[in-house]
Amino acid sequence: MMDNKTFIIVGIVIALLIGGVAVFLASGDPDGLESTALVVQGQKTLTGATPEDAEIHEDLTGKFSYESPMPDYSLGESMGPMGGIVAIVFGTILAFLVVLGLAYGIRMAGKPAK
């Protein structure tokens, strides 16, 4: 039977392996939400292929704007698939740390005060 530390380490390793393989198997086409936005904007037909230069345009005048540090789970086209692997490793570790912090906080909240 596995102890908690071994279980967590094995889980992280499996998540990183799946993420690393997913970089090479992922499609470059837009996901469902992006594809729908392109259809609504008239840049794509419902059953047609996505044009190379298709981009979602929004009027952001006076609105909140945010640029992701790792858009589309990559570090830019110059790094290629390696940038995707680095982004996935970073994201997996960051998600683990957030969950670990939440679990610790919940555990501390459940302990009686001394």
PDB file of N, CA and C in Angstrom:
ATOM      1  N   MET A   1       0.841  -1.174   0.000  1.00  0.00           N
ATOM      2  CA  MET A   1       0.000   0.000   0.000  1.00  0.00           C
ATOM      3  C   MET A   1       0.891   1.243   0.000  1.00  0.00           C
ATOM      4  N   MET A   2       0.468   2.272  -0.780  1.00  0.00           N
ATOM      5  CA  MET A   2       1.253   3.492  -0.904  1.00  0.00           C
ATOM      6  C   MET A   2       0.950   4.465   0.228  1.00  0.00           C
ATOM      7  N   ASP A   3       2.003   5.139   0.681  1.00  0.00           N
ATOM      8  CA  ASP A   3       1.762   6.209   1.646  1.00  0.00           C
ATOM      9  C   ASP A   3       1.387   7.487   0.877  1.00  0.00           C
ATOM     10  N   ASN A   4       0.999   8.523   1.575  1.00  0.00           N
ATOM     11  CA  ASN A   4       0.506   9.747   0.936  1.00  0.00           C
ATOM     12  C   ASN A   4       1.551  10.421   0.058  1.00  0.00           C
ATOM     13  N   LYS A   5       2.793  10.485   0.511  1.00  0.00           N
ATOM     14  CA  LYS A   5       3.842  11.158  -0.264  1.00  0.00           C
ATOM     15  C   LYS A   5       4.092  10.431  -1.584  1.00  0.00           C
ATOM     16  N   THR A   6       4.151   9.109  -1.531  1.00  0.00           N
ATOM     17  CA  THR A   6       4.373   8.329  -2.747  1.00  0.00           C
ATOM     18  C   THR A   6       3.207   8.512  -3.708  1.00  0.00           C
ATOM     19  N   PHE A   7       1.987   8.514  -3.181  1.00  0.00           N
ATOM     20  CA  PHE A   7       0.799   8.693  -4.005  1.00  0.00           C
ATOM     21  C   PHE A   7       0.829  10.053  -4.708  1.00  0.00           C
ATOM     22  N   ILE A   8       1.195  11.092  -3.993  1.00  0.00           N
ATOM     23  CA  ILE A   8       1.250  12.436  -4.569  1.00  0.00           C
ATOM     24  C   ILE A   8       2.342  12.516  -5.628  1.00  0.00           C
ATOM     25  N   ILE A   9       3.497  11.980  -5.352  1.00  0.00           N
ATOM     26  CA  ILE A   9       4.606  12.016  -6.313  1.00  0.00           C
ATOM     27  C   ILE A   9       4.244  11.254  -7.579  1.00  0.00           C
ATOM     28  N   VAL A  10       3.658  10.064  -7.426  1.00  0.00           N
ATOM     29  CA  VAL A  10       3.249   9.275  -8.594  1.00  0.00           C
ATOM     30  C   VAL A  10       2.192  10.039  -9.393  1.00  0.00           C
ATOM     31  N   GLY A  11       1.247  10.684  -8.700  1.00  0.00           N
ATOM     32  CA  GLY A  11       0.216  11.468  -9.384  1.00  0.00           C
ATOM     33  C   GLY A  11       0.797  12.619 -10.181  1.00  0.00           C
ATOM     34  N   ILE A  12       1.764  13.329  -9.601  1.00  0.00           N
ATOM     35  CA  ILE A  12       2.403  14.446 -10.308  1.00  0.00           C
ATOM     36  C   ILE A  12       3.177  13.938 -11.522  1.00  0.00           C
ATOM     37  N   VAL A  13       3.891  12.845 -11.371  1.00  0.00           N
ATOM     38  CA  VAL A  13       4.653  12.287 -12.490  1.00  0.00           C
ATOM     39  C   VAL A  13       3.717  11.866 -13.621  1.00  0.00           C
ATOM     40  N   ILE A  14       2.599  11.228 -13.288  1.00  0.00           N
ATOM     41  CA  ILE A  14       1.634  10.823 -14.313  1.00  0.00           C
ATOM     42  C   ILE A  14       1.046  12.047 -15.002  1.00  0.00           C
ATOM     43  N   ALA A  15       0.694  13.085 -14.240  1.00  0.00           N
ATOM     44  CA  ALA A  15       0.150  14.312 -14.822  1.00  0.00           C
ATOM     45  C   ALA A  15       1.162  14.964 -15.768  1.00  0.00           C
ATOM     46  N   LEU A  16       2.430  14.997 -15.373  1.00  0.00           N
ATOM     47  CA  LEU A  16       3.463  15.587 -16.224  1.00  0.00           C
ATOM     48  C   LEU A  16       3.691  14.764 -17.486  1.00  0.00           C
ATOM     49  N   LEU A  17       3.633  13.454 -17.376  1.00  0.00           N
ATOM     50  CA  LEU A  17       3.795  12.602 -18.565  1.00  0.00           C
ATOM     51  C   LEU A  17       2.640  12.801 -19.541  1.00  0.00           C
ATOM     52  N   ILE A  18       1.417  12.828 -19.025  1.00  0.00           N
ATOM     53  CA  ILE A  18       0.262  13.052 -19.892  1.00  0.00           C
ATOM     54  C   ILE A  18       0.356  14.427 -20.542  1.00  0.00           C
ATOM     55  N   GLY A  19       0.710  15.452 -19.770  1.00  0.00           N
ATOM     56  CA  GLY A  19       0.853  16.794 -20.316  1.00  0.00           C
ATOM     57  C   GLY A  19       1.950  16.886 -21.366  1.00  0.00           C
ATOM     58  N   GLY A  20       3.072  16.224 -21.114  1.00  0.00           N
ATOM     59  CA  GLY A  20       4.173  16.243 -22.071  1.00  0.00           C
ATOM     60  C   GLY A  20       3.823  15.578 -23.388  1.00  0.00           C
ATOM     61  N   VAL A  21       3.088  14.484 -23.326  1.00  0.00           N
ATOM     62  CA  VAL A  21       2.661  13.789 -24.542  1.00  0.00           C
ATOM     63  C   VAL A  21       1.582  14.605 -25.256  1.00  0.00           C
ATOM     64  N   ALA A  22       0.716  15.270 -24.486  1.00  0.00           N
ATOM     65  CA  ALA A  22      -0.383  16.044 -25.070  1.00  0.00           C
ATOM     66  C   ALA A  22       0.132  17.178 -25.949  1.00  0.00           C
ATOM     67  N   VAL A  23       1.299  17.722 -25.648  1.00  0.00           N
ATOM     68  CA  VAL A  23       1.860  18.807 -26.463  1.00  0.00           C
ATOM     69  C   VAL A  23       2.023  18.352 -27.910  1.00  0.00           C
ATOM     70  N   PHE A  24       2.445  17.129 -28.105  1.00  0.00           N
ATOM     71  CA  PHE A  24       2.702  16.640 -29.452  1.00  0.00           C
ATOM     72  C   PHE A  24       1.440  16.122 -30.138  1.00  0.00           C
ATOM     73  N   LEU A  25       0.398  15.829 -29.366  1.00  0.00           N
ATOM     74  CA  LEU A  25      -0.844  15.314 -29.937  1.00  0.00           C
ATOM     75  C   LEU A  25      -1.922  16.379 -30.090  1.00  0.00           C
ATOM     76  N   ALA A  26      -1.714  17.570 -29.524  1.00  0.00           N
ATOM     77  CA  ALA A  26      -2.732  18.619 -29.534  1.00  0.00           C
ATOM     78  C   ALA A  26      -2.909  19.199 -30.936  1.00  0.00           C
ATOM     79  N   SER A  27      -4.131  19.581 -31.230  1.00  0.00           N
ATOM     80  CA  SER A  27      -4.455  20.192 -32.511  1.00  0.00           C
ATOM     81  C   SER A  27      -4.162  21.685 -32.462  1.00  0.00           C
ATOM     82  N   GLY A  28      -3.733  22.228 -33.562  1.00  0.00           N
ATOM     83  CA  GLY A  28      -3.494  23.657 -33.658  1.00  0.00           C
ATOM     84  C   GLY A  28      -4.759  24.428 -34.005  1.00  0.00           C
ATOM     85  N   ASP A  29      -5.840  23.708 -34.304  1.00  0.00           N
ATOM     86  CA  ASP A  29      -7.101  24.356 -34.642  1.00  0.00           C
ATOM     87  C   ASP A  29      -7.727  24.969 -33.402  1.00  0.00           C
ATOM     88  N   PRO A  30      -8.574  25.987 -33.602  1.00  0.00           N
ATOM     89  CA  PRO A  30      -9.229  26.600 -32.442  1.00  0.00           C
ATOM     90  C   PRO A  30     -10.188  25.628 -31.757  1.00  0.00           C
ATOM     91  N   ASP A  31     -10.373  25.806 -30.454  1.00  0.00           N
ATOM     92  CA  ASP A  31     -11.317  24.958 -29.726  1.00  0.00           C
ATOM     93  C   ASP A  31     -12.740  25.378 -30.075  1.00  0.00           C
ATOM     94  N   GLY A  32     -13.714  24.736 -29.449  1.00  0.00           N
ATOM     95  CA  GLY A  32     -15.115  24.987 -29.781  1.00  0.00           C
ATOM     96  C   GLY A  32     -15.548  26.425 -29.582  1.00  0.00           C
ATOM     97  N   LEU A  33     -15.144  27.044 -28.486  1.00  0.00           N
ATOM     98  CA  LEU A  33     -15.538  28.423 -28.206  1.00  0.00           C
ATOM     99  C   LEU A  33     -14.915  29.386 -29.210  1.00  0.00           C
ATOM    100  N   GLU A  34     -13.629  29.232 -29.479  1.00  0.00           N
ATOM    101  CA  GLU A  34     -12.955  30.099 -30.452  1.00  0.00           C
ATOM    102  C   GLU A  34     -13.539  29.892 -31.853  1.00  0.00           C
ATOM    103  N   SER A  35     -13.818  28.647 -32.193  1.00  0.00           N
ATOM    104  CA  SER A  35     -14.378  28.336 -33.500  1.00  0.00           C
ATOM    105  C   SER A  35     -15.754  28.974 -33.665  1.00  0.00           C
ATOM    106  N   THR A  36     -16.579  28.914 -32.623  1.00  0.00           N
ATOM    107  CA  THR A  36     -17.894  29.538 -32.668  1.00  0.00           C
ATOM    108  C   THR A  36     -17.778  31.049 -32.848  1.00  0.00           C
ATOM    109  N   ALA A  37     -16.841  31.683 -32.160  1.00  0.00           N
ATOM    110  CA  ALA A  37     -16.639  33.126 -32.296  1.00  0.00           C
ATOM    111  C   ALA A  37     -16.226  33.471 -33.726  1.00  0.00           C
ATOM    112  N   LEU A  38     -15.393  32.648 -34.341  1.00  0.00           N
ATOM    113  CA  LEU A  38     -14.968  32.900 -35.717  1.00  0.00           C
ATOM    114  C   LEU A  38     -16.138  32.748 -36.686  1.00  0.00           C
ATOM    115  N   VAL A  39     -17.028  31.781 -36.431  1.00  0.00           N
ATOM    116  CA  VAL A  39     -18.210  31.607 -37.279  1.00  0.00           C
ATOM    117  C   VAL A  39     -19.125  32.812 -37.149  1.00  0.00           C
ATOM    118  N   VAL A  40     -19.342  33.279 -35.917  1.00  0.00           N
ATOM    119  CA  VAL A  40     -20.217  34.438 -35.684  1.00  0.00           C
ATOM    120  C   VAL A  40     -19.653  35.678 -36.361  1.00  0.00           C
ATOM    121  N   GLN A  41     -18.333  35.836 -36.360  1.00  0.00           N
ATOM    122  CA  GLN A  41     -17.702  37.002 -36.970  1.00  0.00           C
ATOM    123  C   GLN A  41     -17.603  36.885 -38.491  1.00  0.00           C
ATOM    124  N   GLY A  42     -17.997  35.728 -39.035  1.00  0.00           N
ATOM    125  CA  GLY A  42     -17.961  35.544 -40.485  1.00  0.00           C
ATOM    126  C   GLY A  42     -16.597  35.200 -41.033  1.00  0.00           C
ATOM    127  N   GLN A  43     -15.648  34.851 -40.197  1.00  0.00           N
ATOM    128  CA  GLN A  43     -14.306  34.506 -40.654  1.00  0.00           C
ATOM    129  C   GLN A  43     -14.174  33.026 -40.984  1.00  0.00           C
ATOM    130  N   LYS A  44     -15.212  32.251 -40.662  1.00  0.00           N
ATOM    131  CA  LYS A  44     -15.156  30.808 -40.868  1.00  0.00           C
ATOM    132  C   LYS A  44     -16.575  30.329 -41.123  1.00  0.00           C
ATOM    133  N   THR A  45     -16.711  29.301 -41.968  1.00  0.00           N
ATOM    134  CA  THR A  45     -18.020  28.691 -42.136  1.00  0.00           C
ATOM    135  C   THR A  45     -18.156  27.582 -41.105  1.00  0.00           C
ATOM    136  N   LEU A  46     -19.374  27.180 -40.852  1.00  0.00           N
ATOM    137  CA  LEU A  46     -19.628  26.195 -39.808  1.00  0.00           C
ATOM    138  C   LEU A  46     -18.902  24.882 -40.068  1.00  0.00           C
ATOM    139  N   THR A  47     -18.824  24.474 -41.319  1.00  0.00           N
ATOM    140  CA  THR A  47     -18.184  23.189 -41.625  1.00  0.00           C
ATOM    141  C   THR A  47     -16.837  23.357 -42.315  1.00  0.00           C
ATOM    142  N   GLY A  48     -16.421  24.593 -42.550  1.00  0.00           N
ATOM    143  CA  GLY A  48     -15.179  24.829 -43.274  1.00  0.00           C
ATOM    144  C   GLY A  48     -13.961  24.849 -42.358  1.00  0.00           C
ATOM    145  N   ALA A  49     -12.819  24.823 -42.979  1.00  0.00           N
ATOM    146  CA  ALA A  49     -11.554  24.894 -42.239  1.00  0.00           C
ATOM    147  C   ALA A  49     -11.318  26.323 -41.758  1.00  0.00           C
ATOM    148  N   THR A  50     -10.529  26.461 -40.718  1.00  0.00           N
ATOM    149  CA  THR A  50     -10.195  27.775 -40.187  1.00  0.00           C
ATOM    150  C   THR A  50      -9.082  28.385 -41.023  1.00  0.00           C
ATOM    151  N   PRO A  51      -9.282  29.606 -41.544  1.00  0.00           N
ATOM    152  CA  PRO A  51      -8.217  30.253 -42.309  1.00  0.00           C
ATOM    153  C   PRO A  51      -6.989  30.509 -41.427  1.00  0.00           C
ATOM    154  N   GLU A  52      -5.830  30.524 -42.026  1.00  0.00           N
ATOM    155  CA  GLU A  52      -4.575  30.728 -41.293  1.00  0.00           C
ATOM    156  C   GLU A  52      -4.544  32.058 -40.547  1.00  0.00           C
ATOM    157  N   ASP A  53      -5.117  33.106 -41.145  1.00  0.00           N
ATOM    158  CA  ASP A  53      -5.025  34.440 -40.554  1.00  0.00           C
ATOM    159  C   ASP A  53      -6.243  34.808 -39.707  1.00  0.00           C
ATOM    160  N   ALA A  54      -7.088  33.842 -39.366  1.00  0.00           N
ATOM    161  CA  ALA A  54      -8.302  34.129 -38.598  1.00  0.00           C
ATOM    162  C   ALA A  54      -7.944  34.466 -37.148  1.00  0.00           C
ATOM    163  N   GLU A  55      -8.471  35.581 -36.676  1.00  0.00           N
ATOM    164  CA  GLU A  55      -8.277  35.993 -35.283  1.00  0.00           C
ATOM    165  C   GLU A  55      -9.589  36.519 -34.742  1.00  0.00           C
ATOM    166  N   ILE A  56      -9.810  36.315 -33.458  1.00  0.00           N
ATOM    167  CA  ILE A  56     -11.009  36.838 -32.820  1.00  0.00           C
ATOM    168  C   ILE A  56     -10.756  38.297 -32.485  1.00  0.00           C
ATOM    169  N   HIS A  57     -11.608  39.181 -32.995  1.00  0.00           N
ATOM    170  CA  HIS A  57     -11.463  40.610 -32.758  1.00  0.00           C
ATOM    171  C   HIS A  57     -12.580  41.082 -31.836  1.00  0.00           C
ATOM    172  N   GLU A  58     -12.210  41.833 -30.841  1.00  0.00           N
ATOM    173  CA  GLU A  58     -13.182  42.399 -29.918  1.00  0.00           C
ATOM    174  C   GLU A  58     -12.892  43.887 -29.769  1.00  0.00           C
ATOM    175  N   ASP A  59     -13.934  44.645 -29.550  1.00  0.00           N
ATOM    176  CA  ASP A  59     -13.772  46.059 -29.271  1.00  0.00           C
ATOM    177  C   ASP A  59     -13.477  46.201 -27.781  1.00  0.00           C
ATOM    178  N   LEU A  60     -12.233  46.476 -27.439  1.00  0.00           N
ATOM    179  CA  LEU A  60     -11.819  46.526 -26.036  1.00  0.00           C
ATOM    180  C   LEU A  60     -11.670  47.944 -25.511  1.00  0.00           C
ATOM    181  N   THR A  61     -12.204  48.920 -26.219  1.00  0.00           N
ATOM    182  CA  THR A  61     -12.083  50.304 -25.795  1.00  0.00           C
ATOM    183  C   THR A  61     -12.722  50.499 -24.424  1.00  0.00           C
ATOM    184  N   GLY A  62     -11.939  50.927 -23.452  1.00  0.00           N
ATOM    185  CA  GLY A  62     -12.445  51.189 -22.113  1.00  0.00           C
ATOM    186  C   GLY A  62     -12.771  49.943 -21.314  1.00  0.00           C
ATOM    187  N   LYS A  63     -12.314  48.788 -21.758  1.00  0.00           N
ATOM    188  CA  LYS A  63     -12.611  47.542 -21.055  1.00  0.00           C
ATOM    189  C   LYS A  63     -11.325  46.961 -20.483  1.00  0.00           C
ATOM    190  N   PHE A  64     -11.490  46.083 -19.519  1.00  0.00           N
ATOM    191  CA  PHE A  64     -10.356  45.409 -18.905  1.00  0.00           C
ATOM    192  C   PHE A  64      -9.633  44.560 -19.934  1.00  0.00           C
ATOM    193  N   SER A  65      -8.326  44.622 -19.928  1.00  0.00           N
ATOM    194  CA  SER A  65      -7.527  43.834 -20.861  1.00  0.00           C
ATOM    195  C   SER A  65      -6.476  43.049 -20.088  1.00  0.00           C
ATOM    196  N   TYR A  66      -6.223  41.838 -20.529  1.00  0.00           N
ATOM    197  CA  TYR A  66      -5.252  40.978 -19.855  1.00  0.00           C
ATOM    198  C   TYR A  66      -4.548  40.125 -20.881  1.00  0.00           C
ATOM    199  N   GLU A  67      -3.252  40.041 -20.786  1.00  0.00           N
ATOM    200  CA  GLU A  67      -2.471  39.186 -21.669  1.00  0.00           C
ATOM    201  C   GLU A  67      -1.885  38.050 -20.840  1.00  0.00           C
ATOM    202  N   SER A  68      -2.186  36.850 -21.220  1.00  0.00           N
ATOM    203  CA  SER A  68      -1.715  35.673 -20.486  1.00  0.00           C
ATOM    204  C   SER A  68      -0.194  35.550 -20.603  1.00  0.00           C
ATOM    205  N   PRO A  69       0.488  35.145 -19.519  1.00  0.00           N
ATOM    206  CA  PRO A  69       1.935  34.959 -19.614  1.00  0.00           C
ATOM    207  C   PRO A  69       2.311  33.773 -20.503  1.00  0.00           C
ATOM    208  N   MET A  70       1.406  32.817 -20.647  1.00  0.00           N
ATOM    209  CA  MET A  70       1.649  31.655 -21.501  1.00  0.00           C
ATOM    210  C   MET A  70       0.409  31.387 -22.358  1.00  0.00           C
ATOM    211  N   PRO A  71       0.143  32.247 -23.364  1.00  0.00           N
ATOM    212  CA  PRO A  71      -1.060  32.058 -24.168  1.00  0.00           C
ATOM    213  C   PRO A  71      -1.021  30.738 -24.938  1.00  0.00           C
ATOM    214  N   ASP A  72      -2.163  30.086 -24.997  1.00  0.00           N
ATOM    215  CA  ASP A  72      -2.300  28.805 -25.694  1.00  0.00           C
ATOM    216  C   ASP A  72      -1.321  27.747 -25.187  1.00  0.00           C
ATOM    217  N   TYR A  73      -1.019  27.796 -23.898  1.00  0.00           N
ATOM    218  CA  TYR A  73      -0.146  26.807 -23.244  1.00  0.00           C
ATOM    219  C   TYR A  73       1.209  26.698 -23.919  1.00  0.00           C
ATOM    220  N   SER A  74       1.801  27.846 -24.242  1.00  0.00           N
ATOM    221  CA  SER A  74       3.116  27.828 -24.875  1.00  0.00           C
ATOM    222  C   SER A  74       3.908  29.048 -24.419  1.00  0.00           C
ATOM    223  N   LEU A  75       5.154  29.076 -24.807  1.00  0.00           N
ATOM    224  CA  LEU A  75       6.006  30.224 -24.518  1.00  0.00           C
ATOM    225  C   LEU A  75       6.364  30.955 -25.801  1.00  0.00           C
ATOM    226  N   GLY A  76       5.543  30.791 -26.809  1.00  0.00           N
ATOM    227  CA  GLY A  76       5.776  31.438 -28.091  1.00  0.00           C
ATOM    228  C   GLY A  76       6.188  30.446 -29.154  1.00  0.00           C
ATOM    229  N   GLU A  77       6.060  30.865 -30.379  1.00  0.00           N
ATOM    230  CA  GLU A  77       6.376  29.977 -31.499  1.00  0.00           C
ATOM    231  C   GLU A  77       7.862  29.681 -31.613  1.00  0.00           C
ATOM    232  N   SER A  78       8.707  30.564 -31.109  1.00  0.00           N
ATOM    233  CA  SER A  78      10.148  30.362 -31.247  1.00  0.00           C
ATOM    234  C   SER A  78      10.634  29.133 -30.480  1.00  0.00           C
ATOM    235  N   MET A  79       9.950  28.800 -29.369  1.00  0.00           N
ATOM    236  CA  MET A  79      10.364  27.633 -28.586  1.00  0.00           C
ATOM    237  C   MET A  79       9.724  26.343 -29.078  1.00  0.00           C
ATOM    238  N   GLY A  80       8.678  26.437 -29.885  1.00  0.00           N
ATOM    239  CA  GLY A  80       8.026  25.257 -30.436  1.00  0.00           C
ATOM    240  C   GLY A  80       7.429  24.374 -29.343  1.00  0.00           C
ATOM    241  N   PRO A  81       7.463  23.047 -29.555  1.00  0.00           N
ATOM    242  CA  PRO A  81       6.884  22.122 -28.577  1.00  0.00           C
ATOM    243  C   PRO A  81       7.556  22.187 -27.206  1.00  0.00           C
ATOM    244  N   MET A  82       8.831  22.545 -27.160  1.00  0.00           N
ATOM    245  CA  MET A  82       9.519  22.632 -25.864  1.00  0.00           C
ATOM    246  C   MET A  82       8.898  23.716 -24.994  1.00  0.00           C
ATOM    247  N   GLY A  83       8.466  24.807 -25.606  1.00  0.00           N
ATOM    248  CA  GLY A  83       7.780  25.861 -24.856  1.00  0.00           C
ATOM    249  C   GLY A  83       6.475  25.358 -24.267  1.00  0.00           C
ATOM    250  N   GLY A  84       5.770  24.507 -25.017  1.00  0.00           N
ATOM    251  CA  GLY A  84       4.542  23.907 -24.506  1.00  0.00           C
ATOM    252  C   GLY A  84       4.802  22.987 -23.340  1.00  0.00           C
ATOM    253  N   ILE A  85       5.886  22.221 -23.412  1.00  0.00           N
ATOM    254  CA  ILE A  85       6.232  21.312 -22.318  1.00  0.00           C
ATOM    255  C   ILE A  85       6.573  22.112 -21.061  1.00  0.00           C
ATOM    256  N   VAL A  86       7.355  23.176 -21.217  1.00  0.00           N
ATOM    257  CA  VAL A  86       7.715  24.016 -20.069  1.00  0.00           C
ATOM    258  C   VAL A  86       6.460  24.633 -19.456  1.00  0.00           C
ATOM    259  N   ALA A  87       5.546  25.119 -20.304  1.00  0.00           N
ATOM    260  CA  ALA A  87       4.308  25.727 -19.809  1.00  0.00           C
ATOM    261  C   ALA A  87       3.457  24.702 -19.061  1.00  0.00           C
ATOM    262  N   ILE A  88       3.374  23.482 -19.570  1.00  0.00           N
ATOM    263  CA  ILE A  88       2.578  22.450 -18.909  1.00  0.00           C
ATOM    264  C   ILE A  88       3.212  22.037 -17.584  1.00  0.00           C
ATOM    265  N   VAL A  89       4.519  21.895 -17.554  1.00  0.00           N
ATOM    266  CA  VAL A  89       5.195  21.548 -16.295  1.00  0.00           C
ATOM    267  C   VAL A  89       4.968  22.656 -15.267  1.00  0.00           C
ATOM    268  N   PHE A  90       5.149  23.892 -15.676  1.00  0.00           N
ATOM    269  CA  PHE A  90       4.941  25.020 -14.772  1.00  0.00           C
ATOM    270  C   PHE A  90       3.498  25.066 -14.282  1.00  0.00           C
ATOM    271  N   GLY A  91       2.542  24.912 -15.194  1.00  0.00           N
ATOM    272  CA  GLY A  91       1.129  24.938 -14.823  1.00  0.00           C
ATOM    273  C   GLY A  91       0.737  23.805 -13.893  1.00  0.00           C
ATOM    274  N   THR A  92       1.269  22.619 -14.132  1.00  0.00           N
ATOM    275  CA  THR A  92       0.963  21.464 -13.285  1.00  0.00           C
ATOM    276  C   THR A  92       1.492  21.679 -11.876  1.00  0.00           C
ATOM    277  N   ILE A  93       2.720  22.149 -11.774  1.00  0.00           N
ATOM    278  CA  ILE A  93       3.310  22.389 -10.451  1.00  0.00           C
ATOM    279  C   ILE A  93       2.578  23.523  -9.739  1.00  0.00           C
ATOM    280  N   LEU A  94       2.220  24.573 -10.473  1.00  0.00           N
ATOM    281  CA  LEU A  94       1.482  25.687  -9.876  1.00  0.00           C
ATOM    282  C   LEU A  94       0.106  25.227  -9.370  1.00  0.00           C
ATOM    283  N   ALA A  95      -0.597  24.423 -10.168  1.00  0.00           N
ATOM    284  CA  ALA A  95      -1.905  23.908  -9.741  1.00  0.00           C
ATOM    285  C   ALA A  95      -1.754  23.026  -8.503  1.00  0.00           C
ATOM    286  N   PHE A  96      -0.711  22.212  -8.457  1.00  0.00           N
ATOM    287  CA  PHE A  96      -0.462  21.364  -7.289  1.00  0.00           C
ATOM    288  C   PHE A  96      -0.231  22.216  -6.044  1.00  0.00           C
ATOM    289  N   LEU A  97       0.561  23.266  -6.187  1.00  0.00           N
ATOM    290  CA  LEU A  97       0.844  24.121  -5.033  1.00  0.00           C
ATOM    291  C   LEU A  97      -0.406  24.853  -4.539  1.00  0.00           C
ATOM    292  N   VAL A  98      -1.262  25.271  -5.465  1.00  0.00           N
ATOM    293  CA  VAL A  98      -2.511  25.933  -5.066  1.00  0.00           C
ATOM    294  C   VAL A  98      -3.396  24.953  -4.301  1.00  0.00           C
ATOM    295  N   VAL A  99      -3.554  23.737  -4.816  1.00  0.00           N
ATOM    296  CA  VAL A  99      -4.379  22.734  -4.135  1.00  0.00           C
ATOM    297  C   VAL A  99      -3.770  22.362  -2.789  1.00  0.00           C
ATOM    298  N   LEU A 100      -2.455  22.231  -2.736  1.00  0.00           N
ATOM    299  CA  LEU A 100      -1.786  21.913  -1.478  1.00  0.00           C
ATOM    300  C   LEU A 100      -2.020  23.027  -0.454  1.00  0.00           C
ATOM    301  N   GLY A 101      -1.924  24.286  -0.893  1.00  0.00           N
ATOM    302  CA  GLY A 101      -2.178  25.413   0.006  1.00  0.00           C
ATOM    303  C   GLY A 101      -3.615  25.437   0.500  1.00  0.00           C
ATOM    304  N   LEU A 102      -4.567  25.165  -0.391  1.00  0.00           N
ATOM    305  CA  LEU A 102      -5.969  25.111   0.020  1.00  0.00           C
ATOM    306  C   LEU A 102      -6.208  23.975   1.016  1.00  0.00           C
ATOM    307  N   ALA A 103      -5.629  22.822   0.753  1.00  0.00           N
ATOM    308  CA  ALA A 103      -5.793  21.688   1.667  1.00  0.00           C
ATOM    309  C   ALA A 103      -5.202  22.011   3.034  1.00  0.00           C
ATOM    310  N   TYR A 104      -4.054  22.653   3.052  1.00  0.00           N
ATOM    311  CA  TYR A 104      -3.433  23.038   4.310  1.00  0.00           C
ATOM    312  C   TYR A 104      -4.312  24.032   5.066  1.00  0.00           C
ATOM    313  N   GLY A 105      -4.867  25.012   4.323  1.00  0.00           N
ATOM    314  CA  GLY A 105      -5.747  26.000   4.951  1.00  0.00           C
ATOM    315  C   GLY A 105      -7.002  25.371   5.531  1.00  0.00           C
ATOM    316  N   ILE A 106      -7.591  24.440   4.804  1.00  0.00           N
ATOM    317  CA  ILE A 106      -8.781  23.747   5.296  1.00  0.00           C
ATOM    318  C   ILE A 106      -8.443  22.907   6.520  1.00  0.00           C
ATOM    319  N   ARG A 107      -7.291  22.273   6.478  1.00  0.00           N
ATOM    320  CA  ARG A 107      -6.853  21.448   7.614  1.00  0.00           C
ATOM    321  C   ARG A 107      -6.631  22.307   8.860  1.00  0.00           C
ATOM    322  N   MET A 108      -6.021  23.469   8.667  1.00  0.00           N
ATOM    323  CA  MET A 108      -5.770  24.366   9.794  1.00  0.00           C
ATOM    324  C   MET A 108      -7.083  24.951  10.332  1.00  0.00           C
ATOM    325  N   ALA A 109      -8.024  25.220   9.456  1.00  0.00           N
ATOM    326  CA  ALA A 109      -9.300  25.765   9.888  1.00  0.00           C
ATOM    327  C   ALA A 109     -10.106  24.749  10.707  1.00  0.00           C
ATOM    328  N   GLY A 110      -9.875  23.476  10.460  1.00  0.00           N
ATOM    329  CA  GLY A 110     -10.603  22.436  11.181  1.00  0.00           C
ATOM    330  C   GLY A 110     -10.015  22.086  12.533  1.00  0.00           C
ATOM    331  N   LYS A 111      -8.775  22.550  12.801  1.00  0.00           N
ATOM    332  CA  LYS A 111      -8.142  22.264  14.095  1.00  0.00           C
ATOM    333  C   LYS A 111      -8.682  23.211  15.155  1.00  0.00           C
ATOM    334  N   PRO A 112      -8.915  22.700  16.337  1.00  0.00           N
ATOM    335  CA  PRO A 112      -9.367  23.598  17.407  1.00  0.00           C
ATOM    336  C   PRO A 112      -8.255  24.548  17.838  1.00  0.00           C
ATOM    337  N   ALA A 113      -8.647  25.764  18.205  1.00  0.00           N
ATOM    338  CA  ALA A 113      -7.679  26.774  18.655  1.00  0.00           C
ATOM    339  C   ALA A 113      -7.129  26.394  20.023  1.00  0.00           C
ATOM    340  N   LYS A 114      -5.866  26.698  20.251  1.00  0.00           N
ATOM    341  CA  LYS A 114      -5.223  26.370  21.544  1.00  0.00           C
ATOM    342  C   LYS A 114      -5.206  27.558  22.437  1.00  0.00           C
TER     343      LYS A 114
END
